[in-house]
Amino acid sequence: MRKILSFILCVIMTVSVLTLTGCKDKNAVGLEWQVKNYTTTVGSEAGAVVQKVGFKVTRGGTKIKDVWVNVREIEGENAKFTFCKYKTYTSNDITSDLYVDGNLLNGGPVVVTAQQVKDANKTAKGWIKINTESWAFNNDNVMMSIPSGVTLREIVFVGENDKVLTADIYRAYVVVEVKVDRKEVKTYLKEFTKAELLTYAGTAVCGIPTFLLDNQEAFATRNGK
């Protein structure tokens, strides 16, 4: 039987953090989620933290043709996104980790470069299409994994009819920094349900993944329309 990992308990981590900074965001479409560089020494999770978000996409009989992300900035030369199907493991009525189910999109990470982000913010209001030519996705469960160092504004899933599909957050294995008072910030690493994430919507220093779905209508204006 697979071991249920430590996300069941909320872990207050000792982390190494490198913060992204930037000027006023002229292409803002809503709230943001900033994925920082984190490392932890906790048990089997020791090392760099790879954060992942499980989406539920309502396809309505169509397949997912494209995935678009709206990126404000990335740290360094590039950021590597991984998209795949996911499944969960349940034992004693406790749902555990998001597990990869099948092949990754395009066989591996999709690299988004700093130059792409710069160009997209000049010409497409920050929207970048993830190459999905070999991936007509006939599944509702989509997991996005991000190692670190990227600030995201929004994500959309587009069907074969070229319309934006309805999406929601199912679960997310992420780091949440919570402002306790003026001087204290606590950092938690666990697999959150959507309901748990929303309790931090007003106090999360770097935002939460649910912010990636707060203004889907903005996608229609990416070409200045």
C-alpha atoms as a PDB file:
ATOM      1  CA  MET A   1       0.000   0.000   0.000  1.00  0.00           C
ATOM      2  CA  ARG A   2       1.316   3.421  -0.863  1.00  0.00           C
ATOM      3  CA  LYS A   3       2.444   5.508   2.027  1.00  0.00           C
ATOM      4  CA  ILE A   4       0.197   8.455   2.803  1.00  0.00           C
ATOM      5  CA  LEU A   5       2.531  11.420   2.807  1.00  0.00           C
ATOM      6  CA  SER A   6       2.784  14.121   5.385  1.00  0.00           C
ATOM      7  CA  PHE A   7       0.325  16.506   3.780  1.00  0.00           C
ATOM      8  CA  ILE A   8      -2.282  15.193   6.251  1.00  0.00           C
ATOM      9  CA  LEU A   9      -0.532  17.287   8.846  1.00  0.00           C
ATOM     10  CA  CYS A  10       0.101  20.945   8.313  1.00  0.00           C
ATOM     11  CA  VAL A  11       3.853  21.469   8.329  1.00  0.00           C
ATOM     12  CA  ILE A  12       5.428  24.690   9.480  1.00  0.00           C
ATOM     13  CA  MET A  13       8.597  24.616   7.419  1.00  0.00           C
ATOM     14  CA  THR A  14      12.050  26.036   7.638  1.00  0.00           C
ATOM     15  CA  VAL A  15      12.354  27.461   4.164  1.00  0.00           C
ATOM     16  CA  SER A  16      14.757  29.211   1.909  1.00  0.00           C
ATOM     17  CA  VAL A  17      12.913  31.913   0.002  1.00  0.00           C
ATOM     18  CA  LEU A  18      13.904  34.161  -2.883  1.00  0.00           C
ATOM     19  CA  THR A  19      11.323  36.865  -3.541  1.00  0.00           C
ATOM     20  CA  LEU A  20      10.287  38.230  -6.914  1.00  0.00           C
ATOM     21  CA  THR A  21       9.895  41.963  -7.229  1.00  0.00           C
ATOM     22  CA  GLY A  22       8.426  44.151  -9.923  1.00  0.00           C
ATOM     23  CA  CYS A  23       6.792  47.419 -10.858  1.00  0.00           C
ATOM     24  CA  LYS A  24       3.092  48.175 -11.135  1.00  0.00           C
ATOM     25  CA  ASP A  25       1.327  45.489 -13.144  1.00  0.00           C
ATOM     26  CA  LYS A  26      -0.310  47.170 -16.137  1.00  0.00           C
ATOM     27  CA  ASN A  27      -1.640  43.814 -17.430  1.00  0.00           C
ATOM     28  CA  ALA A  28      -3.256  42.731 -14.166  1.00  0.00           C
ATOM     29  CA  VAL A  29      -6.406  40.702 -14.753  1.00  0.00           C
ATOM     30  CA  GLY A  30      -7.206  39.897 -11.137  1.00  0.00           C
ATOM     31  CA  LEU A  31      -5.358  38.545  -8.139  1.00  0.00           C
ATOM     32  CA  GLU A  32      -2.015  36.736  -8.497  1.00  0.00           C
ATOM     33  CA  TRP A  33      -0.285  33.632  -7.208  1.00  0.00           C
ATOM     34  CA  GLN A  34       3.457  33.984  -6.664  1.00  0.00           C
ATOM     35  CA  VAL A  35       5.333  30.668  -6.594  1.00  0.00           C
ATOM     36  CA  LYS A  36       8.580  31.301  -4.741  1.00  0.00           C
ATOM     37  CA  ASN A  37      11.673  29.158  -4.353  1.00  0.00           C
ATOM     38  CA  TYR A  38      11.199  26.936  -1.310  1.00  0.00           C
ATOM     39  CA  THR A  39      13.270  24.154   0.178  1.00  0.00           C
ATOM     40  CA  THR A  40      12.392  21.957   3.124  1.00  0.00           C
ATOM     41  CA  THR A  41      14.149  19.385   5.281  1.00  0.00           C
ATOM     42  CA  VAL A  42      10.951  17.603   6.306  1.00  0.00           C
ATOM     43  CA  GLY A  43      11.133  13.809   5.915  1.00  0.00           C
ATOM     44  CA  SER A  44      10.657  12.361   2.440  1.00  0.00           C
ATOM     45  CA  GLU A  45       9.829  15.832   1.096  1.00  0.00           C
ATOM     46  CA  ALA A  46      13.338  17.179   1.762  1.00  0.00           C
ATOM     47  CA  GLY A  47      14.729  19.335  -1.031  1.00  0.00           C
ATOM     48  CA  ALA A  48      13.219  21.811  -3.465  1.00  0.00           C
ATOM     49  CA  VAL A  49       9.446  22.002  -3.192  1.00  0.00           C
ATOM     50  CA  VAL A  50       7.556  21.301  -6.416  1.00  0.00           C
ATOM     51  CA  GLN A  51       4.103  22.811  -6.058  1.00  0.00           C
ATOM     52  CA  LYS A  52       1.186  21.282  -7.924  1.00  0.00           C
ATOM     53  CA  VAL A  53      -2.441  22.152  -8.549  1.00  0.00           C
ATOM     54  CA  GLY A  54      -5.196  19.732  -9.499  1.00  0.00           C
ATOM     55  CA  PHE A  55      -7.920  21.252 -11.681  1.00  0.00           C
ATOM     56  CA  LYS A  56     -11.356  19.878 -12.504  1.00  0.00           C
ATOM     57  CA  VAL A  57     -12.297  20.910 -16.040  1.00  0.00           C
ATOM     58  CA  THR A  58     -15.898  20.721 -17.269  1.00  0.00           C
ATOM     59  CA  ARG A  59     -15.472  19.656 -20.897  1.00  0.00           C
ATOM     60  CA  GLY A  60     -19.073  19.162 -21.976  1.00  0.00           C
ATOM     61  CA  GLY A  61     -18.191  16.411 -24.442  1.00  0.00           C
ATOM     62  CA  THR A  62     -15.243  18.217 -26.021  1.00  0.00           C
ATOM     63  CA  LYS A  63     -11.536  17.613 -25.493  1.00  0.00           C
ATOM     64  CA  ILE A  64      -9.058  20.092 -24.047  1.00  0.00           C
ATOM     65  CA  LYS A  65      -7.208  21.510 -27.036  1.00  0.00           C
ATOM     66  CA  ASP A  66      -5.097  24.268 -25.510  1.00  0.00           C
ATOM     67  CA  VAL A  67      -3.869  25.502 -22.160  1.00  0.00           C
ATOM     68  CA  TRP A  68      -2.986  29.182 -21.741  1.00  0.00           C
ATOM     69  CA  VAL A  69      -1.222  30.750 -18.773  1.00  0.00           C
ATOM     70  CA  ASN A  70      -0.987  34.439 -17.983  1.00  0.00           C
ATOM     71  CA  VAL A  71       2.472  35.075 -16.547  1.00  0.00           C
ATOM     72  CA  ARG A  72       3.553  38.301 -14.936  1.00  0.00           C
ATOM     73  CA  GLU A  73       7.214  37.398 -14.476  1.00  0.00           C
ATOM     74  CA  ILE A  74       9.619  34.548 -13.919  1.00  0.00           C
ATOM     75  CA  GLU A  75      12.802  34.309 -11.938  1.00  0.00           C
ATOM     76  CA  GLY A  76      15.909  33.485 -13.937  1.00  0.00           C
ATOM     77  CA  GLU A  77      15.962  32.430 -17.584  1.00  0.00           C
ATOM     78  CA  ASN A  78      12.948  30.109 -17.687  1.00  0.00           C
ATOM     79  CA  ALA A  79      10.228  28.263 -15.812  1.00  0.00           C
ATOM     80  CA  LYS A  80       9.271  24.638 -16.413  1.00  0.00           C
ATOM     81  CA  PHE A  81       5.582  23.768 -16.334  1.00  0.00           C
ATOM     82  CA  THR A  82       4.367  20.183 -16.277  1.00  0.00           C
ATOM     83  CA  PHE A  83       0.799  19.241 -17.218  1.00  0.00           C
ATOM     84  CA  CYS A  84      -0.696  15.777 -16.917  1.00  0.00           C
ATOM     85  CA  LYS A  85      -3.719  13.791 -15.835  1.00  0.00           C
ATOM     86  CA  TYR A  86      -3.941  13.056 -12.137  1.00  0.00           C
ATOM     87  CA  LYS A  87      -5.589  10.615  -9.774  1.00  0.00           C
ATOM     88  CA  THR A  88      -5.834  10.502  -5.997  1.00  0.00           C
ATOM     89  CA  TYR A  89      -5.196   7.716  -3.532  1.00  0.00           C
ATOM     90  CA  THR A  90      -7.752   7.164  -0.779  1.00  0.00           C
ATOM     91  CA  SER A  91      -7.327   5.059   2.346  1.00  0.00           C
ATOM     92  CA  ASN A  92      -9.641   4.953   5.347  1.00  0.00           C
ATOM     93  CA  ASP A  93     -11.741   7.717   3.777  1.00  0.00           C
ATOM     94  CA  ILE A  94      -8.709  10.031   3.654  1.00  0.00           C
ATOM     95  CA  THR A  95      -7.789  11.343   0.202  1.00  0.00           C
ATOM     96  CA  SER A  96      -4.062  11.734  -0.222  1.00  0.00           C
ATOM     97  CA  ASP A  97      -1.629  13.022  -2.817  1.00  0.00           C
ATOM     98  CA  LEU A  98      -2.295  14.023  -6.394  1.00  0.00           C
ATOM     99  CA  TYR A  99      -0.627  11.303  -8.450  1.00  0.00           C
ATOM    100  CA  VAL A 100       0.446  11.447 -12.090  1.00  0.00           C
ATOM    101  CA  ASP A 101      -1.859   9.282 -14.182  1.00  0.00           C
ATOM    102  CA  GLY A 102      -0.479   8.457 -17.618  1.00  0.00           C
ATOM    103  CA  ASN A 103       1.865  10.459 -19.819  1.00  0.00           C
ATOM    104  CA  LEU A 104       2.935  14.048 -19.337  1.00  0.00           C
ATOM    105  CA  LEU A 105       1.888  16.697 -21.826  1.00  0.00           C
ATOM    106  CA  ASN A 106       4.348  16.524 -24.744  1.00  0.00           C
ATOM    107  CA  GLY A 107       6.364  13.927 -22.842  1.00  0.00           C
ATOM    108  CA  GLY A 108       7.892  16.269 -20.301  1.00  0.00           C
ATOM    109  CA  PRO A 109       8.158  19.791 -18.908  1.00  0.00           C
ATOM    110  CA  VAL A 110       7.061  22.734 -21.049  1.00  0.00           C
ATOM    111  CA  VAL A 111       9.668  25.478 -20.845  1.00  0.00           C
ATOM    112  CA  VAL A 112       8.545  29.105 -20.767  1.00  0.00           C
ATOM    113  CA  THR A 113      11.422  31.555 -21.151  1.00  0.00           C
ATOM    114  CA  ALA A 114      11.887  35.001 -19.655  1.00  0.00           C
ATOM    115  CA  GLN A 115      11.905  36.449 -23.183  1.00  0.00           C
ATOM    116  CA  GLN A 116       8.563  34.813 -23.951  1.00  0.00           C
ATOM    117  CA  VAL A 117       7.095  36.378 -20.829  1.00  0.00           C
ATOM    118  CA  LYS A 118       8.507  39.771 -21.730  1.00  0.00           C
ATOM    119  CA  ASP A 119       7.139  39.575 -25.268  1.00  0.00           C
ATOM    120  CA  ALA A 120       3.752  38.294 -24.125  1.00  0.00           C
ATOM    121  CA  ASN A 121       3.351  41.172 -21.697  1.00  0.00           C
ATOM    122  CA  LYS A 122       4.021  43.605 -24.530  1.00  0.00           C
ATOM    123  CA  THR A 123       1.835  42.050 -27.208  1.00  0.00           C
ATOM    124  CA  ALA A 124      -0.696  39.684 -25.590  1.00  0.00           C
ATOM    125  CA  LYS A 125      -1.276  41.097 -22.109  1.00  0.00           C
ATOM    126  CA  GLY A 126       0.810  38.299 -20.619  1.00  0.00           C
ATOM    127  CA  TRP A 127      -0.974  35.304 -22.186  1.00  0.00           C
ATOM    128  CA  ILE A 128       1.215  32.387 -23.302  1.00  0.00           C
ATOM    129  CA  LYS A 129      -0.063  29.282 -25.076  1.00  0.00           C
ATOM    130  CA  ILE A 130       1.273  25.975 -23.841  1.00  0.00           C
ATOM    131  CA  ASN A 131       2.058  23.769 -26.833  1.00  0.00           C
ATOM    132  CA  THR A 132      -0.569  21.015 -26.795  1.00  0.00           C
ATOM    133  CA  GLU A 133      -0.529  19.870 -30.412  1.00  0.00           C
ATOM    134  CA  SER A 134       0.079  16.246 -29.438  1.00  0.00           C
ATOM    135  CA  TRP A 135      -2.294  16.282 -26.514  1.00  0.00           C
ATOM    136  CA  ALA A 136      -6.036  16.185 -27.229  1.00  0.00           C
ATOM    137  CA  PHE A 137      -7.007  15.663 -23.616  1.00  0.00           C
ATOM    138  CA  ASN A 138     -10.110  13.594 -23.050  1.00  0.00           C
ATOM    139  CA  ASN A 139     -10.137  13.887 -19.263  1.00  0.00           C
ATOM    140  CA  ASP A 140     -11.486  16.231 -16.598  1.00  0.00           C
ATOM    141  CA  ASN A 141      -8.502  15.983 -14.239  1.00  0.00           C
ATOM    142  CA  VAL A 142      -5.539  18.205 -15.119  1.00  0.00           C
ATOM    143  CA  MET A 143      -2.560  18.698 -12.820  1.00  0.00           C
ATOM    144  CA  MET A 144      -0.093  21.553 -13.238  1.00  0.00           C
ATOM    145  CA  SER A 145       3.265  21.335 -11.493  1.00  0.00           C
ATOM    146  CA  ILE A 146       5.585  24.313 -11.057  1.00  0.00           C
ATOM    147  CA  PRO A 147       9.010  24.052  -9.405  1.00  0.00           C
ATOM    148  CA  SER A 148       9.456  27.690  -8.389  1.00  0.00           C
ATOM    149  CA  GLY A 149      10.117  31.257  -9.400  1.00  0.00           C
ATOM    150  CA  VAL A 150       7.043  32.356 -11.329  1.00  0.00           C
ATOM    151  CA  THR A 151       4.171  34.774 -10.754  1.00  0.00           C
ATOM    152  CA  LEU A 152       0.920  33.732 -12.431  1.00  0.00           C
ATOM    153  CA  ARG A 153      -2.164  35.832 -13.017  1.00  0.00           C
ATOM    154  CA  GLU A 154      -4.559  33.352 -14.638  1.00  0.00           C
ATOM    155  CA  ILE A 155      -4.919  30.015 -16.439  1.00  0.00           C
ATOM    156  CA  VAL A 156      -7.536  28.920 -18.987  1.00  0.00           C
ATOM    157  CA  PHE A 157      -8.377  25.620 -20.657  1.00  0.00           C
ATOM    158  CA  VAL A 158      -9.710  25.850 -24.222  1.00  0.00           C
ATOM    159  CA  GLY A 159     -11.847  23.184 -25.888  1.00  0.00           C
ATOM    160  CA  GLU A 160     -11.934  21.946 -29.468  1.00  0.00           C
ATOM    161  CA  ASN A 161     -14.661  24.511 -30.143  1.00  0.00           C
ATOM    162  CA  ASP A 162     -12.152  27.265 -29.227  1.00  0.00           C
ATOM    163  CA  LYS A 163     -14.215  28.273 -26.211  1.00  0.00           C
ATOM    164  CA  VAL A 164     -12.906  28.621 -22.657  1.00  0.00           C
ATOM    165  CA  LEU A 165     -13.954  25.643 -20.560  1.00  0.00           C
ATOM    166  CA  THR A 166     -15.188  25.968 -17.002  1.00  0.00           C
ATOM    167  CA  ALA A 167     -12.498  24.960 -14.507  1.00  0.00           C
ATOM    168  CA  ASP A 168     -12.191  24.725 -10.750  1.00  0.00           C
ATOM    169  CA  ILE A 169      -9.547  23.862  -8.163  1.00  0.00           C
ATOM    170  CA  TYR A 170      -9.869  20.335  -6.758  1.00  0.00           C
ATOM    171  CA  ARG A 171      -6.791  20.042  -4.535  1.00  0.00           C
ATOM    172  CA  ALA A 172      -3.398  21.758  -4.433  1.00  0.00           C
ATOM    173  CA  TYR A 173      -0.103  20.694  -2.885  1.00  0.00           C
ATOM    174  CA  VAL A 174       1.402  24.117  -2.302  1.00  0.00           C
ATOM    175  CA  VAL A 175       3.138  26.459   0.091  1.00  0.00           C
ATOM    176  CA  VAL A 176       1.001  29.139   1.717  1.00  0.00           C
ATOM    177  CA  GLU A 177       2.581  32.029   3.606  1.00  0.00           C
ATOM    178  CA  VAL A 178       0.105  33.486   6.082  1.00  0.00           C
ATOM    179  CA  LYS A 179       0.473  36.889   7.691  1.00  0.00           C
ATOM    180  CA  VAL A 180      -0.252  36.445  11.395  1.00  0.00           C
ATOM    181  CA  ASP A 181       0.513  40.005  12.461  1.00  0.00           C
ATOM    182  CA  ARG A 182       2.791  42.867  11.439  1.00  0.00           C
ATOM    183  CA  LYS A 183       5.949  40.945  12.288  1.00  0.00           C
ATOM    184  CA  GLU A 184       5.087  37.272  11.940  1.00  0.00           C
ATOM    185  CA  VAL A 185       4.506  35.195   8.810  1.00  0.00           C
ATOM    186  CA  LYS A 186       3.909  31.456   9.069  1.00  0.00           C
ATOM    187  CA  THR A 187       4.633  29.120   6.166  1.00  0.00           C
ATOM    188  CA  TYR A 188       2.588  25.979   5.617  1.00  0.00           C
ATOM    189  CA  LEU A 189       3.189  23.073   3.238  1.00  0.00           C
ATOM    190  CA  LYS A 190       0.374  20.575   2.688  1.00  0.00           C
ATOM    191  CA  GLU A 191      -2.168  19.386   0.200  1.00  0.00           C
ATOM    192  CA  PHE A 192      -5.070  21.811   0.540  1.00  0.00           C
ATOM    193  CA  THR A 193      -8.653  21.392  -0.562  1.00  0.00           C
ATOM    194  CA  LYS A 194     -10.211  24.372  -2.323  1.00  0.00           C
ATOM    195  CA  ALA A 195     -12.186  25.216   0.812  1.00  0.00           C
ATOM    196  CA  GLU A 196      -9.011  25.243   2.891  1.00  0.00           C
ATOM    197  CA  LEU A 197      -7.233  27.509   0.422  1.00  0.00           C
ATOM    198  CA  LEU A 198     -10.073  30.013   0.445  1.00  0.00           C
ATOM    199  CA  THR A 199      -9.723  30.499   4.196  1.00  0.00           C
ATOM    200  CA  TYR A 200      -6.370  32.151   3.429  1.00  0.00           C
ATOM    201  CA  ALA A 201      -7.592  34.341   0.576  1.00  0.00           C
ATOM    202  CA  GLY A 202      -7.263  37.509   2.645  1.00  0.00           C
ATOM    203  CA  THR A 203      -4.058  36.679   4.516  1.00  0.00           C
ATOM    204  CA  ALA A 204      -1.864  34.718   2.072  1.00  0.00           C
ATOM    205  CA  VAL A 205       1.202  36.870   1.420  1.00  0.00           C
ATOM    206  CA  CYS A 206       1.885  35.416  -2.046  1.00  0.00           C
ATOM    207  CA  GLY A 207      -1.678  34.597  -3.022  1.00  0.00           C
ATOM    208  CA  ILE A 208      -3.260  31.173  -3.536  1.00  0.00           C
ATOM    209  CA  PRO A 209      -3.931  28.996  -6.614  1.00  0.00           C
ATOM    210  CA  THR A 210      -7.660  29.786  -6.643  1.00  0.00           C
ATOM    211  CA  PHE A 211      -6.693  33.285  -7.814  1.00  0.00           C
ATOM    212  CA  LEU A 212      -5.767  31.718 -11.181  1.00  0.00           C
ATOM    213  CA  LEU A 213      -9.454  31.323 -11.999  1.00  0.00           C
ATOM    214  CA  ASP A 214     -10.812  34.648 -10.764  1.00  0.00           C
ATOM    215  CA  ASN A 215     -11.099  36.448 -14.128  1.00  0.00           C
ATOM    216  CA  GLN A 216     -11.481  33.989 -17.003  1.00  0.00           C
ATOM    217  CA  GLU A 217     -13.125  36.674 -19.145  1.00  0.00           C
ATOM    218  CA  ALA A 218      -9.769  38.452 -19.463  1.00  0.00           C
ATOM    219  CA  PHE A 219      -8.596  35.797 -21.933  1.00  0.00           C
ATOM    220  CA  ALA A 220     -10.862  37.237 -24.612  1.00  0.00           C
ATOM    221  CA  THR A 221      -8.978  40.559 -24.490  1.00  0.00           C
ATOM    222  CA  ARG A 222      -5.495  39.108 -25.017  1.00  0.00           C
ATOM    223  CA  ASN A 223      -5.270  40.573 -28.526  1.00  0.00           C
ATOM    224  CA  GLY A 224      -6.514  43.974 -27.470  1.00  0.00           C
ATOM    225  CA  LYS A 225     -10.146  43.239 -28.267  1.00  0.00           C
END
